[in-house]
mmCIF file of all heavy atoms, coordinates in Angstrom:
data_MODEL
# 
_entry.id   MODEL 
# 
loop_
_atom_site.group_PDB 
_atom_site.id 
_atom_site.type_symbol 
_atom_site.label_atom_id 
_atom_site.label_alt_id 
_atom_site.label_comp_id 
_atom_site.label_asym_id 
_atom_site.label_entity_id 
_atom_site.label_seq_id 
_atom_site.pdbx_PDB_ins_code 
_atom_site.Cartn_x 
_atom_site.Cartn_y 
_atom_site.Cartn_z 
_atom_site.occupancy 
_atom_site.B_iso_or_equiv 
_atom_site.pdbx_formal_charge 
_atom_site.auth_seq_id 
_atom_site.auth_comp_id 
_atom_site.auth_asym_id 
_atom_site.auth_atom_id 
_atom_site.pdbx_PDB_model_num 
ATOM 1   N N   . GLY A 1 1  ? 0.812  -1.213 0.000   1.00 0.00 ? 1  GLY A N   1 
ATOM 2   C CA  . GLY A 1 1  ? 0.000  0.000  0.000   1.00 0.00 ? 1  GLY A CA  1 
ATOM 3   C C   . GLY A 1 1  ? 0.846  1.264  0.000   1.00 0.00 ? 1  GLY A C   1 
ATOM 4   O O   . GLY A 1 1  ? 1.874  1.358  -0.676  1.00 0.00 ? 1  GLY A O   1 
ATOM 5   N N   . ASP A 1 2  ? 0.422  2.271  0.782   1.00 0.00 ? 2  ASP A N   1 
ATOM 6   C CA  . ASP A 1 2  ? 1.078  3.585  0.794   1.00 0.00 ? 2  ASP A CA  1 
ATOM 7   C C   . ASP A 1 2  ? 2.498  3.550  1.369   1.00 0.00 ? 2  ASP A C   1 
ATOM 8   O O   . ASP A 1 2  ? 3.314  4.410  1.061   1.00 0.00 ? 2  ASP A O   1 
ATOM 9   C CB  . ASP A 1 2  ? 0.237  4.581  1.581   1.00 0.00 ? 2  ASP A CB  1 
ATOM 10  C CG  . ASP A 1 2  ? -1.085 4.880  0.893   1.00 0.00 ? 2  ASP A CG  1 
ATOM 11  O OD1 . ASP A 1 2  ? -1.150 4.691  -0.338  1.00 0.00 ? 2  ASP A OD1 1 
ATOM 12  O OD2 . ASP A 1 2  ? -2.032 5.293  1.583   1.00 0.00 ? 2  ASP A OD2 1 
ATOM 13  N N   . GLU A 1 3  ? 2.770  2.588  2.210   1.00 0.00 ? 3  GLU A N   1 
ATOM 14  C CA  . GLU A 1 3  ? 4.107  2.479  2.804   1.00 0.00 ? 3  GLU A CA  1 
ATOM 15  C C   . GLU A 1 3  ? 5.163  2.237  1.730   1.00 0.00 ? 3  GLU A C   1 
ATOM 16  O O   . GLU A 1 3  ? 6.321  2.620  1.884   1.00 0.00 ? 3  GLU A O   1 
ATOM 17  C CB  . GLU A 1 3  ? 4.148  1.332  3.814   1.00 0.00 ? 3  GLU A CB  1 
ATOM 18  C CG  . GLU A 1 3  ? 3.262  1.535  5.005   1.00 0.00 ? 3  GLU A CG  1 
ATOM 19  C CD  . GLU A 1 3  ? 3.813  2.544  5.993   1.00 0.00 ? 3  GLU A CD  1 
ATOM 20  O OE1 . GLU A 1 3  ? 5.021  2.814  5.962   1.00 0.00 ? 3  GLU A OE1 1 
ATOM 21  O OE2 . GLU A 1 3  ? 3.006  3.056  6.782   1.00 0.00 ? 3  GLU A OE2 1 
ATOM 22  N N   . SER A 1 4  ? 4.765  1.615  0.632   1.00 0.00 ? 4  SER A N   1 
ATOM 23  C CA  . SER A 1 4  ? 5.727  1.284  -0.418  1.00 0.00 ? 4  SER A CA  1 
ATOM 24  C C   . SER A 1 4  ? 6.304  2.538  -1.074  1.00 0.00 ? 4  SER A C   1 
ATOM 25  O O   . SER A 1 4  ? 7.478  2.559  -1.436  1.00 0.00 ? 4  SER A O   1 
ATOM 26  C CB  . SER A 1 4  ? 5.095  0.380  -1.473  1.00 0.00 ? 4  SER A CB  1 
ATOM 27  O OG  . SER A 1 4  ? 4.012  1.038  -2.086  1.00 0.00 ? 4  SER A OG  1 
ATOM 28  N N   . ILE A 1 5  ? 5.511  3.582  -1.207  1.00 0.00 ? 5  ILE A N   1 
ATOM 29  C CA  . ILE A 1 5  ? 5.999  4.817  -1.831  1.00 0.00 ? 5  ILE A CA  1 
ATOM 30  C C   . ILE A 1 5  ? 7.082  5.451  -0.967  1.00 0.00 ? 5  ILE A C   1 
ATOM 31  O O   . ILE A 1 5  ? 8.143  5.846  -1.466  1.00 0.00 ? 5  ILE A O   1 
ATOM 32  C CB  . ILE A 1 5  ? 4.834  5.809  -2.061  1.00 0.00 ? 5  ILE A CB  1 
ATOM 33  C CG1 . ILE A 1 5  ? 3.823  5.209  -3.030  1.00 0.00 ? 5  ILE A CG1 1 
ATOM 34  C CG2 . ILE A 1 5  ? 5.354  7.145  -2.579  1.00 0.00 ? 5  ILE A CG2 1 
ATOM 35  C CD1 . ILE A 1 5  ? 2.547  5.996  -3.146  1.00 0.00 ? 5  ILE A CD1 1 
ATOM 36  N N   . GLN A 1 6  ? 6.830  5.520  0.322   1.00 0.00 ? 6  GLN A N   1 
ATOM 37  C CA  . GLN A 1 6  ? 7.807  6.110  1.243   1.00 0.00 ? 6  GLN A CA  1 
ATOM 38  C C   . GLN A 1 6  ? 9.113  5.316  1.245   1.00 0.00 ? 6  GLN A C   1 
ATOM 39  O O   . GLN A 1 6  ? 10.200 5.892  1.171   1.00 0.00 ? 6  GLN A O   1 
ATOM 40  C CB  . GLN A 1 6  ? 7.221  6.166  2.648   1.00 0.00 ? 6  GLN A CB  1 
ATOM 41  C CG  . GLN A 1 6  ? 8.165  6.738  3.681   1.00 0.00 ? 6  GLN A CG  1 
ATOM 42  C CD  . GLN A 1 6  ? 7.608  6.628  5.096   1.00 0.00 ? 6  GLN A CD  1 
ATOM 43  O OE1 . GLN A 1 6  ? 6.582  5.984  5.320   1.00 0.00 ? 6  GLN A OE1 1 
ATOM 44  N NE2 . GLN A 1 6  ? 8.287  7.235  6.034   1.00 0.00 ? 6  GLN A NE2 1 
ATOM 45  N N   . LEU A 1 7  ? 9.010  4.000  1.302   1.00 0.00 ? 7  LEU A N   1 
ATOM 46  C CA  . LEU A 1 7  ? 10.215 3.163  1.297   1.00 0.00 ? 7  LEU A CA  1 
ATOM 47  C C   . LEU A 1 7  ? 10.966 3.274  -0.024  1.00 0.00 ? 7  LEU A C   1 
ATOM 48  O O   . LEU A 1 7  ? 12.203 3.350  -0.044  1.00 0.00 ? 7  LEU A O   1 
ATOM 49  C CB  . LEU A 1 7  ? 9.851  1.707  1.579   1.00 0.00 ? 7  LEU A CB  1 
ATOM 50  C CG  . LEU A 1 7  ? 9.517  1.372  3.026   1.00 0.00 ? 7  LEU A CG  1 
ATOM 51  C CD1 . LEU A 1 7  ? 8.873  -0.003 3.109   1.00 0.00 ? 7  LEU A CD1 1 
ATOM 52  C CD2 . LEU A 1 7  ? 10.764 1.425  3.879   1.00 0.00 ? 7  LEU A CD2 1 
ATOM 53  N N   . ALA A 1 8  ? 10.234 3.298  -1.142  1.00 0.00 ? 8  ALA A N   1 
ATOM 54  C CA  . ALA A 1 8  ? 10.870 3.408  -2.449  1.00 0.00 ? 8  ALA A CA  1 
ATOM 55  C C   . ALA A 1 8  ? 11.592 4.742  -2.596  1.00 0.00 ? 8  ALA A C   1 
ATOM 56  O O   . ALA A 1 8  ? 12.699 4.800  -3.136  1.00 0.00 ? 8  ALA A O   1 
ATOM 57  C CB  . ALA A 1 8  ? 9.833  3.238  -3.559  1.00 0.00 ? 8  ALA A CB  1 
ATOM 58  N N   . GLU A 1 9  ? 10.985 5.822  -2.105  1.00 0.00 ? 9  GLU A N   1 
ATOM 59  C CA  . GLU A 1 9  ? 11.650 7.132  -2.159  1.00 0.00 ? 9  GLU A CA  1 
ATOM 60  C C   . GLU A 1 9  ? 12.910 7.144  -1.317  1.00 0.00 ? 9  GLU A C   1 
ATOM 61  O O   . GLU A 1 9  ? 13.940 7.677  -1.732  1.00 0.00 ? 9  GLU A O   1 
ATOM 62  C CB  . GLU A 1 9  ? 10.683 8.227  -1.697  1.00 0.00 ? 9  GLU A CB  1 
ATOM 63  C CG  . GLU A 1 9  ? 9.597  8.524  -2.698  1.00 0.00 ? 9  GLU A CG  1 
ATOM 64  C CD  . GLU A 1 9  ? 8.554  9.500  -2.172  1.00 0.00 ? 9  GLU A CD  1 
ATOM 65  O OE1 . GLU A 1 9  ? 8.528  9.770  -0.950  1.00 0.00 ? 9  GLU A OE1 1 
ATOM 66  O OE2 . GLU A 1 9  ? 7.772  9.993  -3.000  1.00 0.00 ? 9  GLU A OE2 1 
ATOM 67  N N   . GLN A 1 10 ? 12.842 6.551  -0.125  1.00 0.00 ? 10 GLN A N   1 
ATOM 68  C CA  . GLN A 1 10 ? 14.020 6.490  0.747   1.00 0.00 ? 10 GLN A CA  1 
ATOM 69  C C   . GLN A 1 10 ? 15.146 5.703  0.076   1.00 0.00 ? 10 GLN A C   1 
ATOM 70  O O   . GLN A 1 10 ? 16.296 6.127  0.068   1.00 0.00 ? 10 GLN A O   1 
ATOM 71  C CB  . GLN A 1 10 ? 13.656 5.843  2.085   1.00 0.00 ? 10 GLN A CB  1 
ATOM 72  C CG  . GLN A 1 10 ? 14.837 5.647  3.011   1.00 0.00 ? 10 GLN A CG  1 
ATOM 73  C CD  . GLN A 1 10 ? 14.464 4.897  4.274   1.00 0.00 ? 10 GLN A CD  1 
ATOM 74  O OE1 . GLN A 1 10 ? 13.284 4.699  4.579   1.00 0.00 ? 10 GLN A OE1 1 
ATOM 75  N NE2 . GLN A 1 10 ? 15.464 4.464  5.012   1.00 0.00 ? 10 GLN A NE2 1 
ATOM 76  N N   . LEU A 1 11 ? 14.796 4.569  -0.517  1.00 0.00 ? 11 LEU A N   1 
ATOM 77  C CA  . LEU A 1 11 ? 15.810 3.736  -1.151  1.00 0.00 ? 11 LEU A CA  1 
ATOM 78  C C   . LEU A 1 11 ? 16.344 4.369  -2.435  1.00 0.00 ? 11 LEU A C   1 
ATOM 79  O O   . LEU A 1 11 ? 17.509 4.187  -2.774  1.00 0.00 ? 11 LEU A O   1 
ATOM 80  C CB  . LEU A 1 11 ? 15.242 2.344  -1.430  1.00 0.00 ? 11 LEU A CB  1 
ATOM 81  C CG  . LEU A 1 11 ? 14.962 1.503  -0.178  1.00 0.00 ? 11 LEU A CG  1 
ATOM 82  C CD1 . LEU A 1 11 ? 14.125 0.290  -0.529  1.00 0.00 ? 11 LEU A CD1 1 
ATOM 83  C CD2 . LEU A 1 11 ? 16.247 1.099  0.500   1.00 0.00 ? 11 LEU A CD2 1 
ATOM 84  N N   . SER A 1 12 ? 15.526 5.127  -3.150  1.00 0.00 ? 12 SER A N   1 
ATOM 85  C CA  . SER A 1 12 ? 15.985 5.748  -4.400  1.00 0.00 ? 12 SER A CA  1 
ATOM 86  C C   . SER A 1 12 ? 17.015 6.847  -4.145  1.00 0.00 ? 12 SER A C   1 
ATOM 87  O O   . SER A 1 12 ? 17.764 7.211  -5.046  1.00 0.00 ? 12 SER A O   1 
ATOM 88  C CB  . SER A 1 12 ? 14.803 6.307  -5.179  1.00 0.00 ? 12 SER A CB  1 
ATOM 89  O OG  . SER A 1 12 ? 14.268 7.433  -4.527  1.00 0.00 ? 12 SER A OG  1 
ATOM 90  N N   . LEU A 1 13 ? 17.061 7.375  -2.932  1.00 0.00 ? 13 LEU A N   1 
ATOM 91  C CA  . LEU A 1 13 ? 18.028 8.414  -2.576  1.00 0.00 ? 13 LEU A CA  1 
ATOM 92  C C   . LEU A 1 13 ? 19.276 7.852  -1.907  1.00 0.00 ? 13 LEU A C   1 
ATOM 93  O O   . LEU A 1 13 ? 20.114 8.614  -1.427  1.00 0.00 ? 13 LEU A O   1 
ATOM 94  C CB  . LEU A 1 13 ? 17.362 9.436  -1.639  1.00 0.00 ? 13 LEU A CB  1 
ATOM 95  C CG  . LEU A 1 13 ? 16.158 10.176 -2.228  1.00 0.00 ? 13 LEU A CG  1 
ATOM 96  C CD1 . LEU A 1 13 ? 15.500 11.037 -1.162  1.00 0.00 ? 13 LEU A CD1 1 
ATOM 97  C CD2 . LEU A 1 13 ? 16.576 11.002 -3.426  1.00 0.00 ? 13 LEU A CD2 1 
ATOM 98  N N   . ASP A 1 14 ? 19.400 6.546  -1.884  1.00 0.00 ? 14 ASP A N   1 
ATOM 99  C CA  . ASP A 1 14 ? 20.524 5.893  -1.212  1.00 0.00 ? 14 ASP A CA  1 
ATOM 100 C C   . ASP A 1 14 ? 21.836 6.224  -1.912  1.00 0.00 ? 14 ASP A C   1 
ATOM 101 O O   . ASP A 1 14 ? 21.883 6.424  -3.125  1.00 0.00 ? 14 ASP A O   1 
ATOM 102 C CB  . ASP A 1 14 ? 20.318 4.375  -1.202  1.00 0.00 ? 14 ASP A CB  1 
ATOM 103 C CG  . ASP A 1 14 ? 21.157 3.694  -0.158  1.00 0.00 ? 14 ASP A CG  1 
ATOM 104 O OD1 . ASP A 1 14 ? 22.323 3.382  -0.445  1.00 0.00 ? 14 ASP A OD1 1 
ATOM 105 O OD2 . ASP A 1 14 ? 20.629 3.490  0.948   1.00 0.00 ? 14 ASP A OD2 1 
ATOM 106 N N   . HIS A 1 15 ? 22.925 6.296  -1.144  1.00 0.00 ? 15 HIS A N   1 
ATOM 107 C CA  . HIS A 1 15 ? 24.230 6.604  -1.724  1.00 0.00 ? 15 HIS A CA  1 
ATOM 108 C C   . HIS A 1 15 ? 24.858 5.416  -2.449  1.00 0.00 ? 15 HIS A C   1 
ATOM 109 O O   . HIS A 1 15 ? 25.761 5.594  -3.257  1.00 0.00 ? 15 HIS A O   1 
ATOM 110 C CB  . HIS A 1 15 ? 25.190 7.144  -0.655  1.00 0.00 ? 15 HIS A CB  1 
ATOM 111 C CG  . HIS A 1 15 ? 25.500 6.147  0.429   1.00 0.00 ? 15 HIS A CG  1 
ATOM 112 N ND1 . HIS A 1 15 ? 24.687 5.981  1.529   1.00 0.00 ? 15 HIS A ND1 1 
ATOM 113 C CD2 . HIS A 1 15 ? 26.513 5.276  0.556   1.00 0.00 ? 15 HIS A CD2 1 
ATOM 114 C CE1 . HIS A 1 15 ? 25.210 5.043  2.295   1.00 0.00 ? 15 HIS A CE1 1 
ATOM 115 N NE2 . HIS A 1 15 ? 26.312 4.591  1.739   1.00 0.00 ? 15 HIS A NE2 1 
ATOM 116 N N   . ALA A 1 16 ? 24.376 4.207  -2.187  1.00 0.00 ? 16 ALA A N   1 
ATOM 117 C CA  . ALA A 1 16 ? 24.864 3.027  -2.909  1.00 0.00 ? 16 ALA A CA  1 
ATOM 118 C C   . ALA A 1 16 ? 24.068 2.893  -4.205  1.00 0.00 ? 16 ALA A C   1 
ATOM 119 O O   . ALA A 1 16 ? 22.836 2.816  -4.185  1.00 0.00 ? 16 ALA A O   1 
ATOM 120 C CB  . ALA A 1 16 ? 24.714 1.777  -2.054  1.00 0.00 ? 16 ALA A CB  1 
ATOM 121 N N   . ALA A 1 17 ? 24.769 2.872  -5.318  1.00 0.00 ? 17 ALA A N   1 
ATOM 122 C CA  . ALA A 1 17 ? 24.115 2.860  -6.633  1.00 0.00 ? 17 ALA A CA  1 
ATOM 123 C C   . ALA A 1 17 ? 23.145 1.687  -6.833  1.00 0.00 ? 17 ALA A C   1 
ATOM 124 O O   . ALA A 1 17 ? 22.044 1.892  -7.341  1.00 0.00 ? 17 ALA A O   1 
ATOM 125 C CB  . ALA A 1 17 ? 25.162 2.886  -7.739  1.00 0.00 ? 17 ALA A CB  1 
ATOM 126 N N   . PRO A 1 18 ? 23.507 0.454  -6.470  1.00 0.00 ? 18 PRO A N   1 
ATOM 127 C CA  . PRO A 1 18 ? 22.559 -0.649 -6.677  1.00 0.00 ? 18 PRO A CA  1 
ATOM 128 C C   . PRO A 1 18 ? 21.264 -0.483 -5.877  1.00 0.00 ? 18 PRO A C   1 
ATOM 129 O O   . PRO A 1 18 ? 20.188 -0.833 -6.355  1.00 0.00 ? 18 PRO A O   1 
ATOM 130 C CB  . PRO A 1 18 ? 23.322 -1.894 -6.212  1.00 0.00 ? 18 PRO A CB  1 
ATOM 131 C CG  . PRO A 1 18 ? 24.754 -1.520 -6.306  1.00 0.00 ? 18 PRO A CG  1 
ATOM 132 C CD  . PRO A 1 18 ? 24.808 -0.045 -6.011  1.00 0.00 ? 18 PRO A CD  1 
ATOM 133 N N   . VAL A 1 19 ? 21.379 0.058  -4.680  1.00 0.00 ? 19 VAL A N   1 
ATOM 134 C CA  . VAL A 1 19 ? 20.194 0.282  -3.848  1.00 0.00 ? 19 VAL A CA  1 
ATOM 135 C C   . VAL A 1 19 ? 19.331 1.378  -4.453  1.00 0.00 ? 19 VAL A C   1 
ATOM 136 O O   . VAL A 1 19 ? 18.106 1.237  -4.566  1.00 0.00 ? 19 VAL A O   1 
ATOM 137 C CB  . VAL A 1 19 ? 20.607 0.640  -2.399  1.00 0.00 ? 19 VAL A CB  1 
ATOM 138 C CG1 . VAL A 1 19 ? 19.377 0.922  -1.548  1.00 0.00 ? 19 VAL A CG1 1 
ATOM 139 C CG2 . VAL A 1 19 ? 21.447 -0.462 -1.788  1.00 0.00 ? 19 VAL A CG2 1 
ATOM 140 N N   . ALA A 1 20 ? 19.974 2.475  -4.861  1.00 0.00 ? 20 ALA A N   1 
ATOM 141 C CA  . ALA A 1 20 ? 19.240 3.592  -5.466  1.00 0.00 ? 20 ALA A CA  1 
ATOM 142 C C   . ALA A 1 20 ? 18.547 3.157  -6.756  1.00 0.00 ? 20 ALA A C   1 
ATOM 143 O O   . ALA A 1 20 ? 17.412 3.556  -7.024  1.00 0.00 ? 20 ALA A O   1 
ATOM 144 C CB  . ALA A 1 20 ? 20.190 4.753  -5.728  1.00 0.00 ? 20 ALA A CB  1 
ATOM 145 N N   . GLU A 1 21 ? 19.220 2.324  -7.534  1.00 0.00 ? 21 GLU A N   1 
ATOM 146 C CA  . GLU A 1 21 ? 18.618 1.827  -8.781  1.00 0.00 ? 21 GLU A CA  1 
ATOM 147 C C   . GLU A 1 21 ? 17.357 1.015  -8.494  1.00 0.00 ? 21 GLU A C   1 
ATOM 148 O O   . GLU A 1 21 ? 16.336 1.166  -9.164  1.00 0.00 ? 21 GLU A O   1 
ATOM 149 C CB  . GLU A 1 21 ? 19.622 0.963  -9.537  1.00 0.00 ? 21 GLU A CB  1 
ATOM 150 C CG  . GLU A 1 21 ? 19.057 0.339  -10.783 1.00 0.00 ? 21 GLU A CG  1 
ATOM 151 C CD  . GLU A 1 21 ? 19.937 -0.771 -11.326 1.00 0.00 ? 21 GLU A CD  1 
ATOM 152 O OE1 . GLU A 1 21 ? 21.081 -0.909 -10.895 1.00 0.00 ? 21 GLU A OE1 1 
ATOM 153 O OE2 . GLU A 1 21 ? 19.427 -1.515 -12.179 1.00 0.00 ? 21 GLU A OE2 1 
ATOM 154 N N   . ARG A 1 22 ? 17.401 0.157  -7.490  1.00 0.00 ? 22 ARG A N   1 
ATOM 155 C CA  . ARG A 1 22 ? 16.232 -0.652 -7.122  1.00 0.00 ? 22 ARG A CA  1 
ATOM 156 C C   . ARG A 1 22 ? 15.112 0.244  -6.609  1.00 0.00 ? 22 ARG A C   1 
ATOM 157 O O   . ARG A 1 22 ? 13.944 0.011  -6.893  1.00 0.00 ? 22 ARG A O   1 
ATOM 158 C CB  . ARG A 1 22 ? 16.594 -1.685 -6.051  1.00 0.00 ? 22 ARG A CB  1 
ATOM 159 C CG  . ARG A 1 22 ? 17.661 -2.661 -6.470  1.00 0.00 ? 22 ARG A CG  1 
ATOM 160 C CD  . ARG A 1 22 ? 17.153 -3.807 -7.315  1.00 0.00 ? 22 ARG A CD  1 
ATOM 161 N NE  . ARG A 1 22 ? 16.807 -3.369 -8.653  1.00 0.00 ? 22 ARG A NE  1 
ATOM 162 C CZ  . ARG A 1 22 ? 16.079 -4.034 -9.529  1.00 0.00 ? 22 ARG A CZ  1 
ATOM 163 N NH1 . ARG A 1 22 ? 15.598 -5.201 -9.232  1.00 0.00 ? 22 ARG A NH1 1 
ATOM 164 N NH2 . ARG A 1 22 ? 15.813 -3.574 -10.717 1.00 0.00 ? 22 ARG A NH2 1 
ATOM 165 N N   . GLY A 1 23 ? 15.460 1.270  -5.829  1.00 0.00 ? 23 GLY A N   1 
ATOM 166 C CA  . GLY A 1 23 ? 14.453 2.197  -5.333  1.00 0.00 ? 23 GLY A CA  1 
ATOM 167 C C   . GLY A 1 23 ? 13.783 2.962  -6.464  1.00 0.00 ? 23 GLY A C   1 
ATOM 168 O O   . GLY A 1 23 ? 12.560 3.147  -6.472  1.00 0.00 ? 23 GLY A O   1 
ATOM 169 N N   . LYS A 1 24 ? 14.569 3.406  -7.436  1.00 0.00 ? 24 LYS A N   1 
ATOM 170 C CA  . LYS A 1 24 ? 14.021 4.125  -8.591  1.00 0.00 ? 24 LYS A CA  1 
ATOM 171 C C   . LYS A 1 24 ? 13.141 3.198  -9.432  1.00 0.00 ? 24 LYS A C   1 
ATOM 172 O O   . LYS A 1 24 ? 12.094 3.608  -9.946  1.00 0.00 ? 24 LYS A O   1 
ATOM 173 C CB  . LYS A 1 24 ? 15.142 4.712  -9.438  1.00 0.00 ? 24 LYS A CB  1 
ATOM 174 C CG  . LYS A 1 24 ? 15.848 5.857  -8.739  1.00 0.00 ? 24 LYS A CG  1 
ATOM 175 C CD  . LYS A 1 24 ? 17.068 6.313  -9.511  1.00 0.00 ? 24 LYS A CD  1 
ATOM 176 C CE  . LYS A 1 24 ? 17.825 7.351  -8.713  1.00 0.00 ? 24 LYS A CE  1 
ATOM 177 N NZ  . LYS A 1 24 ? 19.109 7.704  -9.309  1.00 0.00 ? 24 LYS A NZ  1 
# 
């Protein structure tokens, strides 16, 4: 649900490229 958007945004801003890519 709505929690997924918040988690995805947090992960998309990660300093590790593979994590940020998965978040995006």
